[in-house]
Amino acid sequence: MHDTTWFEIQGIPSVFIASNVFVDAAQAQADALGLPDVRRIFVPHPIQDQTDEEMRARADAVLDQVIAALVC
């Protein structure tokens, strides 16, 4: 979240991506960092035990969301 916020403050569009167990924590961080509406996308949890192929599938599943968030 800190990196996403830094890029946004610099005028560089960015989007925060995390697993869905961090929805509330992400909002709390966004609020604390002064960008409560920072763009974010959540993927199914867990991710740490996923294979490379499974991670690519998760990335593919949200790619259109990432692009849409960056060009809005």
Protein backbone atom coordinates (compact mmCIF):
# COMPACT_ATOMS: atom_id res chain seq x y z
CA MET A 1 0.00 0.00 0.00
CA HIS A 2 2.84 2.40 0.78
CA ASP A 3 4.35 1.98 -2.70
CA THR A 4 0.98 2.41 -4.38
CA THR A 5 0.34 5.57 -2.38
CA TRP A 6 3.81 6.93 -3.19
CA PHE A 7 3.29 6.39 -6.92
CA GLU A 8 -0.14 8.02 -6.79
CA ILE A 9 1.25 11.08 -4.96
CA GLN A 10 3.90 11.33 -7.70
CA GLY A 11 1.13 11.35 -10.31
CA ILE A 12 1.87 7.82 -11.52
CA PRO A 13 -1.29 5.71 -11.77
CA SER A 14 -1.01 2.53 -9.74
CA VAL A 15 -3.14 -0.18 -8.23
CA PHE A 16 -2.67 -2.17 -5.03
CA ILE A 17 -3.11 -5.94 -5.37
CA ALA A 18 -3.43 -8.22 -2.35
CA SER A 19 -5.25 -11.32 -1.21
CA ASN A 20 -8.80 -10.85 -0.03
CA VAL A 21 -8.10 -11.38 3.68
CA PHE A 22 -6.50 -7.93 3.65
CA VAL A 23 -9.56 -5.91 2.57
CA ASP A 24 -10.05 -4.23 5.96
CA ALA A 25 -6.33 -3.74 6.56
CA ALA A 26 -5.94 -2.16 3.11
CA GLN A 27 -8.73 0.30 3.82
CA ALA A 28 -7.19 1.19 7.18
CA GLN A 29 -3.80 1.78 5.54
CA ALA A 30 -5.30 3.80 2.70
CA ASP A 31 -7.14 5.97 5.21
CA ALA A 32 -4.02 6.42 7.34
CA LEU A 33 -1.95 7.35 4.29
CA GLY A 34 -4.49 9.96 3.19
CA LEU A 35 -5.72 8.21 0.03
CA PRO A 36 -8.87 6.39 1.11
CA ASP A 37 -9.92 5.77 -2.51
CA VAL A 38 -6.61 4.38 -3.77
CA ARG A 39 -7.27 1.74 -6.41
CA ARG A 40 -7.06 -1.82 -5.18
CA ILE A 41 -7.83 -5.31 -6.39
CA PHE A 42 -8.08 -8.41 -4.26
CA VAL A 43 -7.38 -11.98 -5.28
CA PRO A 44 -8.47 -15.18 -3.50
CA HIS A 45 -6.47 -16.16 -0.44
CA PRO A 46 -4.09 -17.87 0.13
CA ILE A 47 -1.38 -17.11 -2.40
CA GLN A 48 1.80 -18.25 -0.66
CA ASP A 49 1.27 -21.92 -1.43
CA GLN A 50 0.28 -21.48 -5.08
CA THR A 51 2.37 -22.89 -7.92
CA ASP A 52 3.74 -20.59 -10.61
CA GLU A 53 0.99 -21.80 -12.93
CA GLU A 54 -1.71 -21.07 -10.34
CA MET A 55 -0.29 -17.60 -9.75
CA ARG A 56 -0.28 -16.89 -13.49
CA ALA A 57 -3.93 -17.97 -13.62
CA ARG A 58 -4.78 -15.59 -10.77
CA ALA A 59 -2.93 -12.78 -12.51
CA ASP A 60 -4.73 -13.51 -15.77
CA ALA A 61 -8.05 -13.47 -13.91
CA VAL A 62 -7.56 -9.88 -12.71
CA LEU A 63 -5.61 -8.44 -15.64
CA ASP A 64 -8.62 -6.67 -17.14
CA GLN A 65 -9.44 -5.18 -13.72
CA VAL A 66 -5.88 -3.89 -13.35
CA ILE A 67 -5.93 -2.29 -16.78
CA ALA A 68 -9.34 -0.74 -16.15
CA ALA A 69 -8.17 0.66 -12.80
CA LEU A 70 -5.09 2.22 -14.38
CA VAL A 71 -6.85 3.90 -17.28
CA CYS A 72 -9.86 5.30 -15.44
